[in-house]
Amino acid sequence: MAKDSEPLNITLNIQGSRLRLAIPRNDEALYRQAADRLNYRIMRYRESYPNVAQLPLGGHLLLAAVDSAYYLVQEHKHADRAPINDRLHKLNAELEAFLQRY
């Protein structure tokens, strides 16, 4: 088996907890970046909601998860429209050019 196709074992630190994963070797940087973003979001919610008694168990993590999921859904929604918007702009330009000729 080629070395690039072998899974890579990594350990991520999520707010002091060690999370061991076996991931595709080429995706290591993405997983580490995702862990950094998750840690940042959790830290941001800890600052915004310092009274943990007001939140369910793991509340800061849950808030960060919802925030991340919302961002992902928003990005997918925007990405889905991009090809259609590009095509509409092109068709609009062609229509305007046609109308100017006549």
Protein backbone atom coordinates (compact mmCIF):
# COMPACT_ATOMS: atom_id res chain seq x y z
CA MET A 1 0.00 0.00 0.00
CA ALA A 2 1.33 3.44 -0.88
CA LYS A 3 2.25 5.65 2.06
CA ASP A 4 -0.13 8.44 0.95
CA SER A 5 -3.13 6.11 1.08
CA GLU A 6 -2.36 4.82 4.58
CA PRO A 7 -4.41 6.47 7.34
CA LEU A 8 -2.59 8.85 9.62
CA ASN A 9 -3.19 8.73 13.38
CA ILE A 10 -3.37 12.20 14.88
CA THR A 11 -4.37 13.65 18.23
CA LEU A 12 -6.36 16.87 18.35
CA ASN A 13 -6.75 19.00 21.47
CA ILE A 14 -10.31 20.25 21.83
CA GLN A 15 -10.51 22.49 24.91
CA GLY A 16 -8.12 20.32 26.88
CA SER A 17 -9.55 16.98 25.74
CA ARG A 18 -7.46 14.77 23.54
CA LEU A 19 -9.25 13.35 20.53
CA ARG A 20 -7.47 10.62 18.59
CA LEU A 21 -8.42 10.11 14.98
CA ALA A 22 -7.33 8.00 12.02
CA ILE A 23 -7.66 10.25 8.99
CA PRO A 24 -6.58 10.34 5.34
CA ARG A 25 -2.96 11.49 5.34
CA ASN A 26 -3.65 14.33 2.88
CA ASP A 27 -6.35 15.82 5.15
CA GLU A 28 -4.20 16.38 8.24
CA ALA A 29 -3.92 20.15 7.81
CA LEU A 30 -7.70 20.46 7.33
CA TYR A 31 -8.43 18.48 10.50
CA ARG A 32 -5.99 20.58 12.52
CA GLN A 33 -7.47 23.78 11.11
CA ALA A 34 -10.98 22.53 11.96
CA ALA A 35 -9.87 21.82 15.55
CA ASP A 36 -8.40 25.32 15.82
CA ARG A 37 -11.65 26.87 14.59
CA LEU A 38 -13.71 24.77 16.97
CA ASN A 39 -11.49 25.77 19.91
CA TYR A 40 -11.85 29.43 18.92
CA ARG A 41 -15.64 29.18 18.76
CA ILE A 42 -15.86 27.41 22.12
CA MET A 43 -13.61 30.07 23.68
CA ARG A 44 -15.79 32.81 22.19
CA TYR A 45 -18.93 31.25 23.70
CA ARG A 46 -17.22 30.80 27.07
CA GLU A 47 -16.53 34.53 27.07
CA SER A 48 -20.10 35.36 26.01
CA TYR A 49 -21.73 32.90 28.44
CA PRO A 50 -19.45 32.67 31.49
CA ASN A 51 -22.19 31.30 33.77
CA VAL A 52 -22.24 27.61 32.87
CA ALA A 53 -25.24 27.08 35.16
CA GLN A 54 -27.37 28.76 32.49
CA LEU A 55 -26.37 26.16 29.88
CA PRO A 56 -26.90 22.42 29.56
CA LEU A 57 -23.97 20.07 30.09
CA GLY A 58 -21.43 20.78 27.35
CA GLY A 59 -23.32 23.94 26.46
CA HIS A 60 -20.34 25.84 25.07
CA LEU A 61 -19.50 22.92 22.80
CA LEU A 62 -23.13 22.69 21.69
CA LEU A 63 -23.22 26.41 20.90
CA ALA A 64 -20.00 26.09 18.90
CA ALA A 65 -21.42 23.07 17.04
CA VAL A 66 -24.60 24.95 16.11
CA ASP A 67 -22.53 27.96 15.05
CA SER A 68 -20.32 25.75 12.85
CA ALA A 69 -23.30 23.92 11.36
CA TYR A 70 -25.05 27.22 10.61
CA TYR A 71 -21.94 28.53 8.87
CA LEU A 72 -21.68 25.34 6.81
CA VAL A 73 -25.34 25.46 5.75
CA GLN A 74 -24.98 29.12 4.84
CA GLU A 75 -21.87 28.40 2.75
CA HIS A 76 -23.60 25.53 0.94
CA LYS A 77 -26.59 27.71 0.21
CA HIS A 78 -24.35 30.43 -1.22
CA ALA A 79 -22.26 27.93 -3.20
CA ASP A 80 -25.37 26.37 -4.73
CA ARG A 81 -26.47 29.72 -6.12
CA ALA A 82 -23.16 30.79 -7.62
CA PRO A 83 -23.41 28.81 -10.90
CA ILE A 84 -26.98 29.94 -11.44
CA ASN A 85 -26.12 33.59 -10.73
CA ASP A 86 -23.17 33.45 -13.10
CA ARG A 87 -25.33 32.01 -15.86
CA LEU A 88 -28.08 34.60 -15.25
CA HIS A 89 -25.57 37.46 -15.47
CA LYS A 90 -24.23 36.06 -18.73
CA LEU A 91 -27.72 35.63 -20.19
CA ASN A 92 -28.68 39.11 -19.06
CA ALA A 93 -25.61 40.60 -20.76
CA GLU A 94 -26.40 38.71 -23.98
CA LEU A 95 -30.01 39.90 -23.87
CA GLU A 96 -28.96 43.51 -23.31
CA ALA A 97 -26.51 43.30 -26.21
CA PHE A 98 -29.22 41.85 -28.43
CA LEU A 99 -31.72 44.55 -27.46
CA GLN A 100 -29.21 47.32 -28.16
CA ARG A 101 -28.79 46.06 -31.71
CA TYR A 102 -32.52 46.25 -32.43
